[in-house]
Protein backbone atom coordinates (compact mmCIF):
# COMPACT_ATOMS: atom_id res chain seq x y z
CA MET A 1 -66.93 -102.28 73.98
CA SER A 2 -64.59 -104.06 76.38
CA GLU A 3 -61.70 -101.58 76.68
CA ARG A 4 -61.06 -100.03 80.05
CA PRO A 5 -62.31 -96.44 80.29
CA VAL A 6 -59.71 -93.78 79.50
CA LEU A 7 -59.19 -91.16 82.21
CA LEU A 8 -59.41 -87.55 81.04
CA PRO A 9 -56.73 -86.21 83.43
CA TYR A 10 -58.02 -82.78 84.38
CA ALA A 11 -55.64 -82.72 87.37
CA ASP A 12 -52.70 -82.79 84.93
CA PRO A 13 -51.66 -79.23 83.97
CA ALA A 14 -50.18 -80.48 80.69
CA PHE A 15 -53.52 -81.99 79.65
CA VAL A 16 -55.44 -78.89 80.72
CA ALA A 17 -53.09 -76.69 78.69
CA ASP A 18 -53.35 -78.88 75.58
CA PRO A 19 -55.87 -81.74 75.61
CA PHE A 20 -55.76 -82.21 71.85
CA PRO A 21 -53.02 -84.88 71.61
CA LEU A 22 -55.13 -87.17 73.82
CA TYR A 23 -58.30 -86.17 71.97
CA ARG A 24 -56.60 -87.06 68.70
CA GLN A 25 -55.59 -90.45 70.04
CA LEU A 26 -59.11 -91.17 71.27
CA ARG A 27 -60.56 -90.24 67.87
CA GLU A 28 -58.06 -92.47 66.08
CA ASP A 29 -58.81 -95.34 68.47
CA GLY A 30 -62.49 -95.43 67.60
CA PRO A 31 -65.71 -93.50 66.96
CA VAL A 32 -66.97 -94.02 70.55
CA ARG A 33 -64.71 -94.41 73.58
CA ARG A 34 -65.51 -94.99 77.24
CA VAL A 35 -63.92 -92.26 79.34
CA VAL A 36 -63.81 -91.17 82.96
CA ILE A 37 -64.48 -87.47 83.45
CA ALA A 38 -64.57 -85.11 86.45
CA GLY A 39 -65.69 -86.67 89.72
CA GLY A 40 -65.01 -90.19 88.50
CA LEU A 41 -68.09 -90.20 86.28
CA GLU A 42 -68.05 -92.55 83.30
CA ALA A 43 -69.25 -91.47 79.86
CA TRP A 44 -69.30 -92.66 76.27
CA LEU A 45 -67.39 -90.12 74.18
CA VAL A 46 -68.41 -89.66 70.53
CA THR A 47 -65.19 -88.65 68.80
CA ARG A 48 -65.97 -87.95 65.13
CA HIS A 49 -67.82 -85.18 63.34
CA GLU A 50 -70.33 -87.19 61.32
CA ASP A 51 -71.37 -89.28 64.32
CA GLY A 52 -71.50 -86.23 66.58
CA LEU A 53 -73.75 -84.38 64.15
CA ALA A 54 -76.13 -87.34 64.06
CA ALA A 55 -76.07 -87.82 67.84
CA LEU A 56 -77.02 -84.20 68.47
CA SER A 57 -80.24 -84.78 66.49
CA ASP A 58 -81.01 -88.23 67.96
CA SER A 59 -84.23 -88.11 70.00
CA ARG A 60 -83.12 -91.23 71.90
CA LEU A 61 -80.48 -89.11 73.59
CA SER A 62 -82.02 -86.89 76.26
CA SER A 63 -80.86 -83.53 77.59
CA ASP A 64 -82.56 -84.19 80.93
CA VAL A 65 -80.07 -85.37 83.55
CA ARG A 66 -82.91 -87.21 85.28
CA ASP A 67 -82.62 -89.78 82.47
CA ALA A 68 -79.08 -90.64 83.62
CA SER A 69 -78.55 -93.85 85.56
CA ASP A 70 -75.68 -92.32 87.55
CA THR A 71 -77.43 -90.38 90.33
CA ARG A 72 -74.22 -88.47 91.12
CA LEU A 73 -74.92 -86.26 88.11
CA LEU A 74 -78.15 -84.96 89.61
CA LYS A 75 -76.45 -84.42 92.96
CA GLN A 76 -73.90 -82.12 91.30
CA LEU A 77 -76.64 -79.52 90.94
CA PRO A 78 -77.18 -77.20 93.95
CA ASP A 79 -79.78 -78.70 96.28
CA THR A 80 -81.67 -75.46 96.74
CA GLU A 81 -82.12 -74.70 93.04
CA ARG A 82 -82.18 -78.15 91.46
CA GLU A 83 -85.72 -77.95 90.12
CA ALA A 84 -85.25 -74.42 88.78
CA MET A 85 -82.04 -75.44 87.01
CA LEU A 86 -83.74 -78.46 85.47
CA GLY A 87 -86.54 -76.27 84.10
CA ASN A 88 -84.51 -74.54 81.41
CA MET A 89 -84.23 -75.24 77.67
CA LEU A 90 -80.73 -76.66 77.93
CA ARG A 91 -81.84 -79.50 80.19
CA SER A 92 -85.30 -80.23 78.80
CA ASP A 93 -86.68 -82.29 75.93
CA PRO A 94 -89.82 -81.98 73.78
CA PRO A 95 -92.59 -81.14 74.40
CA ASP A 96 -91.32 -78.91 77.27
CA HIS A 97 -88.30 -77.79 75.26
CA THR A 98 -90.46 -76.91 72.25
CA ARG A 99 -92.78 -74.75 74.36
CA LEU A 100 -89.92 -73.02 76.22
CA ARG A 101 -87.89 -72.29 73.10
CA ARG A 102 -90.90 -70.91 71.25
CA LEU A 103 -91.72 -68.59 74.14
CA VAL A 104 -88.14 -67.42 74.61
CA SER A 105 -87.61 -66.95 70.86
CA THR A 106 -90.37 -64.34 70.81
CA ALA A 107 -88.27 -62.21 73.16
CA PHE A 108 -84.71 -63.16 72.13
CA THR A 109 -85.00 -61.98 68.54
CA ALA A 110 -82.28 -61.23 66.00
CA HIS A 111 -83.47 -57.62 65.99
CA ARG A 112 -83.05 -57.33 69.77
CA VAL A 113 -79.55 -58.81 69.56
CA ALA A 114 -78.56 -56.51 66.68
CA GLU A 115 -79.74 -53.49 68.67
CA LEU A 116 -77.18 -54.37 71.34
CA GLY A 117 -74.27 -53.72 68.97
CA PRO A 118 -73.73 -50.02 69.78
CA ARG A 119 -74.00 -50.68 73.51
CA ILE A 120 -71.53 -53.61 73.34
CA GLN A 121 -69.15 -51.29 71.47
CA ALA A 122 -69.52 -48.61 74.15
CA VAL A 123 -68.82 -51.07 76.97
CA THR A 124 -65.85 -52.46 75.03
CA ASP A 125 -64.38 -48.99 74.56
CA ARG A 126 -64.90 -48.06 78.22
CA LEU A 127 -63.09 -51.19 79.40
CA LEU A 128 -60.20 -50.57 77.04
CA ASP A 129 -60.06 -46.88 78.02
CA ALA A 130 -59.07 -48.08 81.50
CA VAL A 131 -56.04 -50.06 80.27
CA VAL A 132 -54.69 -48.41 77.11
CA THR A 133 -52.31 -46.05 78.94
CA ALA A 134 -50.78 -48.78 81.10
CA GLY A 135 -49.05 -50.75 78.37
CA ARG A 136 -49.95 -54.03 80.03
CA ALA A 137 -53.13 -55.80 81.17
CA ASP A 138 -54.74 -59.11 82.01
CA LEU A 139 -57.18 -59.31 79.13
CA VAL A 140 -59.35 -61.82 81.00
CA ALA A 141 -59.80 -59.94 84.29
CA ASP A 142 -59.71 -56.48 82.72
CA PHE A 143 -61.66 -57.13 79.53
CA ALA A 144 -63.00 -60.56 78.52
CA LEU A 145 -64.66 -61.18 81.89
CA PRO A 146 -66.43 -57.87 82.65
CA LEU A 147 -67.70 -57.37 79.09
CA PRO A 148 -70.17 -60.31 78.86
CA VAL A 149 -71.46 -59.90 82.42
CA THR A 150 -72.12 -56.20 81.71
CA VAL A 151 -73.93 -57.12 78.49
CA ILE A 152 -76.05 -59.76 80.23
CA SER A 153 -76.83 -57.32 83.05
CA GLU A 154 -78.06 -54.79 80.51
CA LEU A 155 -79.91 -57.45 78.55
CA LEU A 156 -81.81 -58.49 81.67
CA GLY A 157 -82.32 -54.94 82.91
CA VAL A 158 -80.20 -55.25 86.08
CA PRO A 159 -79.90 -51.71 87.53
CA VAL A 160 -76.41 -50.20 87.26
CA ASP A 161 -75.96 -49.82 91.03
CA GLU A 162 -76.73 -53.54 91.54
CA ARG A 163 -74.37 -54.98 88.92
CA HIS A 164 -71.35 -55.35 91.21
CA GLU A 165 -73.31 -57.61 93.57
CA PHE A 166 -74.85 -59.40 90.59
CA GLN A 167 -71.39 -60.25 89.22
CA HIS A 168 -70.09 -61.16 92.70
CA TRP A 169 -72.71 -63.89 93.16
CA THR A 170 -72.56 -64.94 89.50
CA ASP A 171 -68.83 -65.65 89.86
CA ARG A 172 -69.41 -67.77 92.95
CA MET A 173 -72.38 -69.53 91.42
CA ILE A 174 -70.34 -70.62 88.41
CA MET A 175 -67.04 -71.09 90.33
CA ARG A 176 -64.64 -69.65 87.79
CA GLY A 177 -61.35 -70.73 89.38
CA THR A 178 -59.11 -73.76 89.12
CA GLU A 179 -60.02 -75.19 92.53
CA PRO A 180 -62.81 -77.80 92.85
CA PRO A 181 -66.11 -76.08 93.65
CA ASP A 182 -67.10 -75.86 97.32
CA PRO A 183 -70.74 -77.07 97.46
CA ALA A 184 -71.52 -74.79 100.41
CA VAL A 185 -70.25 -71.71 98.53
CA VAL A 186 -72.11 -72.70 95.36
CA ASN A 187 -75.36 -73.32 97.25
CA GLU A 188 -75.08 -69.98 99.05
CA ALA A 189 -74.50 -68.22 95.74
CA TRP A 190 -77.50 -69.90 94.11
CA GLN A 191 -79.72 -68.92 97.05
CA HIS A 192 -78.60 -65.29 96.81
CA MET A 193 -79.09 -65.26 93.04
CA ARG A 194 -82.51 -66.91 93.32
CA ALA A 195 -83.63 -64.26 95.80
CA TYR A 196 -82.22 -61.48 93.65
CA VAL A 197 -83.72 -62.74 90.38
CA THR A 198 -87.12 -63.32 92.01
CA GLY A 199 -87.09 -59.74 93.24
CA LEU A 200 -86.03 -58.47 89.82
CA ILE A 201 -88.88 -60.38 88.16
CA ARG A 202 -91.32 -58.85 90.64
CA ALA A 203 -90.00 -55.36 89.88
CA LYS A 204 -90.20 -55.90 86.11
CA ARG A 205 -93.77 -57.14 86.36
CA ALA A 206 -94.73 -53.96 88.20
CA ASP A 207 -92.70 -51.65 85.97
CA PRO A 208 -91.62 -53.31 82.67
CA GLY A 209 -88.64 -51.91 80.81
CA ASP A 210 -87.13 -52.27 77.37
CA ASP A 211 -85.10 -55.34 78.32
CA LEU A 212 -85.10 -59.08 77.72
CA LEU A 213 -86.46 -60.03 81.15
CA SER A 214 -89.47 -57.75 80.70
CA ALA A 215 -90.00 -59.27 77.26
CA LEU A 216 -89.77 -62.80 78.70
CA ILE A 217 -92.32 -61.94 81.40
CA THR A 218 -94.84 -60.78 78.78
CA ALA A 219 -94.02 -63.45 76.18
CA ARG A 220 -96.90 -65.77 75.44
CA ASP A 221 -97.78 -68.52 73.02
CA GLU A 222 -101.56 -68.55 72.77
CA GLU A 223 -102.49 -68.78 76.48
CA GLN A 224 -99.15 -70.15 77.67
CA ARG A 225 -96.58 -68.10 79.52
CA LEU A 226 -93.36 -68.83 81.33
CA THR A 227 -93.89 -69.67 85.00
CA GLU A 228 -91.81 -67.91 87.63
CA ASP A 229 -89.60 -70.99 88.04
CA GLU A 230 -89.09 -71.06 84.26
CA LEU A 231 -88.19 -67.38 84.24
CA VAL A 232 -85.64 -67.96 87.01
CA ALA A 233 -84.29 -70.98 85.12
CA MET A 234 -83.93 -68.89 81.97
CA VAL A 235 -81.89 -66.25 83.82
CA PHE A 236 -79.68 -69.01 85.25
CA LEU A 237 -79.25 -70.42 81.74
CA LEU A 238 -78.22 -67.04 80.34
CA LEU A 239 -75.65 -66.73 83.10
CA ALA A 240 -74.23 -70.25 82.93
CA ALA A 241 -74.40 -70.79 79.18
CA GLY A 242 -74.03 -67.23 77.93
CA TYR A 243 -71.64 -65.59 80.35
CA LEU A 244 -68.63 -67.84 80.83
CA THR A 245 -68.67 -69.28 77.31
CA THR A 246 -68.43 -65.76 75.87
CA VAL A 247 -65.61 -64.91 78.30
CA ASN A 248 -63.81 -67.97 76.96
CA LEU A 249 -64.50 -67.07 73.32
CA ILE A 250 -63.06 -63.57 73.73
CA GLY A 251 -60.09 -64.52 75.92
CA GLY A 252 -59.41 -67.72 74.02
CA GLY A 253 -59.69 -66.05 70.63
CA ILE A 254 -57.14 -63.39 71.55
CA ALA A 255 -54.86 -66.04 73.08
CA MET A 256 -55.01 -68.08 69.85
CA LEU A 257 -54.09 -65.08 67.74
CA LEU A 258 -51.15 -64.16 69.99
CA ALA A 259 -49.89 -67.75 69.88
CA HIS A 260 -50.14 -67.71 66.06
CA PRO A 261 -48.49 -64.44 64.91
CA ASP A 262 -49.05 -65.24 61.23
CA GLN A 263 -52.81 -65.34 61.81
CA LEU A 264 -52.67 -62.15 63.88
CA ASP A 265 -50.82 -60.37 61.06
CA LEU A 266 -53.32 -61.69 58.52
CA LEU A 267 -56.28 -60.42 60.54
CA ARG A 268 -54.65 -57.02 61.11
CA SER A 269 -54.05 -56.70 57.37
CA ASP A 270 -57.62 -57.72 56.51
CA PRO A 271 -60.17 -56.98 59.31
CA GLY A 272 -62.88 -58.31 56.99
CA LEU A 273 -61.71 -61.81 57.96
CA LEU A 274 -62.97 -61.31 61.52
CA PRO A 275 -66.37 -63.08 61.19
CA GLY A 276 -64.66 -66.17 59.76
CA ALA A 277 -61.95 -65.91 62.40
CA ILE A 278 -64.58 -66.14 65.15
CA GLU A 279 -65.87 -69.37 63.60
CA GLU A 280 -62.33 -70.72 63.38
CA PHE A 281 -61.66 -69.93 67.05
CA LEU A 282 -64.83 -71.85 67.92
CA ARG A 283 -63.73 -74.80 65.78
CA TYR A 284 -60.06 -74.89 66.72
CA ASP A 285 -60.35 -74.51 70.49
CA GLY A 286 -63.92 -73.69 71.46
CA PRO A 287 -65.29 -72.73 74.88
CA VAL A 288 -66.81 -76.18 75.59
CA SER A 289 -64.53 -79.18 76.05
CA PRO A 290 -64.67 -82.07 75.52
CA GLY A 291 -68.29 -81.69 74.49
CA ILE A 292 -72.03 -81.74 75.04
CA ALA A 293 -73.69 -84.20 77.44
CA ARG A 294 -76.71 -86.33 76.61
CA PHE A 295 -78.30 -89.32 78.36
CA ALA A 296 -79.51 -92.50 76.65
CA ARG A 297 -83.28 -92.97 77.06
CA GLU A 298 -82.89 -96.52 75.77
CA ASP A 299 -80.18 -98.84 74.50
CA VAL A 300 -78.70 -97.17 71.41
CA GLN A 301 -76.09 -97.88 68.76
CA ILE A 302 -73.72 -95.10 67.73
CA ALA A 303 -71.25 -95.92 64.95
CA GLY A 304 -71.87 -99.62 65.64
CA VAL A 305 -71.11 -99.28 69.36
CA HIS A 306 -73.76 -100.45 71.85
CA ILE A 307 -74.52 -97.86 74.56
CA PRO A 308 -76.79 -98.93 77.42
CA ARG A 309 -79.87 -97.10 78.62
CA GLY A 310 -79.09 -94.42 81.20
CA ALA A 311 -75.49 -93.98 80.04
CA THR A 312 -73.98 -90.52 79.80
CA VAL A 313 -73.04 -89.75 76.20
CA LEU A 314 -70.55 -86.95 75.53
CA ILE A 315 -70.78 -85.63 71.98
CA GLY A 316 -67.15 -84.57 71.72
CA SER A 317 -67.41 -81.31 69.82
CA ALA A 318 -63.79 -80.49 70.68
CA LEU A 319 -62.72 -83.76 69.05
CA ALA A 320 -65.20 -83.66 66.16
CA ASP A 321 -64.15 -80.14 65.21
CA ARG A 322 -60.63 -81.42 64.54
CA ASP A 323 -61.75 -84.52 62.64
CA PRO A 324 -59.53 -84.79 59.53
CA GLU A 325 -62.39 -86.52 57.70
CA ARG A 326 -64.32 -83.24 57.96
CA PHE A 327 -61.66 -80.50 58.14
CA PRO A 328 -58.45 -80.54 56.07
CA ASP A 329 -55.34 -79.97 58.20
CA PRO A 330 -57.56 -79.68 61.30
CA ASP A 331 -54.78 -78.96 63.81
CA ARG A 332 -53.83 -75.74 62.02
CA LEU A 333 -55.48 -72.45 63.01
CA ASP A 334 -56.61 -70.87 59.74
CA ILE A 335 -58.80 -67.78 60.08
CA ALA A 336 -59.40 -67.82 56.31
CA ARG A 337 -60.64 -71.43 56.36
CA PRO A 338 -63.46 -71.54 53.78
CA ASP A 339 -65.55 -74.21 55.53
CA ASN A 340 -65.52 -74.31 59.34
CA ALA A 341 -69.03 -75.52 60.18
CA HIS A 342 -68.18 -76.51 63.75
CA LEU A 343 -70.28 -78.09 66.50
CA ALA A 344 -69.30 -75.60 69.21
CA PHE A 345 -72.87 -74.24 69.41
CA GLY A 346 -74.44 -77.69 69.08
CA HIS A 347 -76.86 -78.79 66.39
CA GLY A 348 -80.54 -79.58 65.97
CA ILE A 349 -83.29 -78.42 68.30
CA HIS A 350 -80.80 -77.49 71.04
CA TYR A 351 -78.64 -75.29 68.79
CA CYS A 352 -77.56 -72.40 71.01
CA LEU A 353 -80.17 -69.64 70.97
CA GLY A 354 -77.53 -67.16 72.15
CA ALA A 355 -75.08 -67.91 69.33
CA PRO A 356 -75.76 -64.62 67.48
CA LEU A 357 -75.08 -62.63 70.67
CA ALA A 358 -71.86 -64.56 71.39
CA ARG A 359 -70.66 -63.97 67.82
CA LEU A 360 -71.51 -60.27 68.01
CA GLU A 361 -69.69 -59.81 71.33
CA GLY A 362 -66.70 -61.76 70.03
CA ARG A 363 -66.41 -59.71 66.83
CA ILE A 364 -66.71 -56.37 68.61
CA ALA A 365 -64.44 -57.27 71.51
CA ILE A 366 -61.61 -58.89 69.55
CA GLY A 367 -61.74 -56.45 66.65
CA THR A 368 -61.64 -53.42 68.96
CA ALA A 369 -58.84 -54.85 71.11
CA LEU A 370 -56.66 -55.42 68.04
CA ARG A 371 -57.37 -51.90 66.80
CA ARG A 372 -56.80 -50.10 70.10
CA LEU A 373 -53.88 -52.11 71.49
CA PRO A 374 -51.04 -51.73 68.96
CA GLY A 375 -48.11 -54.07 69.39
CA LEU A 376 -50.26 -56.49 71.38
CA THR A 377 -48.22 -59.48 72.51
CA LEU A 378 -48.20 -62.06 75.27
CA ALA A 379 -46.31 -61.12 78.43
CA VAL A 380 -45.61 -64.84 79.01
CA SER A 381 -44.99 -67.78 76.72
CA PRO A 382 -48.11 -69.52 75.36
CA ALA A 383 -47.23 -72.54 77.52
CA GLU A 384 -47.52 -70.39 80.68
CA ILE A 385 -51.12 -69.35 80.09
CA PRO A 386 -53.32 -71.12 82.69
CA TRP A 387 -56.42 -72.74 81.21
CA ARG A 388 -59.70 -73.65 82.85
CA PRO A 389 -59.85 -77.40 83.56
CA GLY A 390 -62.73 -79.36 82.03
CA GLY A 391 -66.25 -78.59 80.90
CA LEU A 392 -65.86 -74.95 79.96
CA ARG A 393 -62.48 -74.14 78.38
CA GLY A 394 -60.66 -70.85 78.19
CA PRO A 395 -57.69 -68.97 79.65
CA LEU A 396 -57.98 -68.03 83.32
CA THR A 397 -55.57 -65.13 82.84
CA LEU A 398 -54.10 -63.53 79.73
CA PRO A 399 -51.21 -61.19 80.60
CA VAL A 400 -50.27 -59.01 77.64
CA THR A 401 -48.19 -55.95 76.78
CA PHE A 402 -48.81 -53.34 74.08
CA VAL A 403 -47.81 -49.84 73.06
CA PRO A 404 -49.45 -47.45 75.59
CA GLY A 405 -51.96 -44.85 74.53
CA GLY A 406 -53.66 -46.70 71.68
């Protein structure tokens, strides 16, 4: 492919607010496009649903960043925790991935997730109790953000009196804001979190509880167990992959409904549509954009396009999930859409293990907010909502008004 790479302009507020016109153009231009992403990195963007589905199951495309020819990718990881971060399921391939996922699956069961429902509901109600009388709120800072970090804290067994510090360093580790991350701040945060998580693992070994971390410590597959580095990496993965993406699902889902009053009215009139609405939020404007990174182990062909060994391949889930060849009228939000089998959670062996938890949190959070905040409406125009630039997508703030006392 000889075309010059297309810049994804994350410094442009208009693109950050609505990247889909450019995504549509890229998809129409071809099934694979060279693009320049954050930090000047070049990638090959897979734009269509059928090709993206195949690429996510292609063993020639690695999840391990060490297979990338561009060494800047590896240097983006914090120096102090690079090996621990590379030791999680998200960044590993078989056979390591197979072993890790099997071990983690024994602890992260559907039953354990389902048991969290009443507690997620209680946390949701407590957070809304604090805002219902005010008549206005920022539903990111006041609701969508604290809910998932509280759930993850409880899931891991973080003591209540330590959760404020836990969230403080989590926020700095992930760098939630619009400014470019400061490597010194990120490294400091990772060091603090590493020390904290190591101490928590030590405490759970001595006195196990009824929590996921205790279950991970005791999980075994024949004689194999997770090493301490793998346990730390799994906690980091739950934070990075499970925390901010769920914040974005909840905040983004509410933002989509408020920007589409017809869909909000439809959901209010028929709450039974909520599970399908969650899937439509994930398809229409999911929490990962433009997509999922892989690295070519060897020269590969995708949709007839030659991609060299070591290249970064972006499976553009945000583009594929609006592919008109797969979804009729794809640029329309339709919470009653009968078939919205999106790629937001990936596909194949790396399909998101935390997807059931994210869906559960999304259903409880959004359903309860709509029930308890009558007259919910945006306090600004949809165009004024600031969105997170690149990689993980969602509103940074969501100012709303509603009838007090709901």
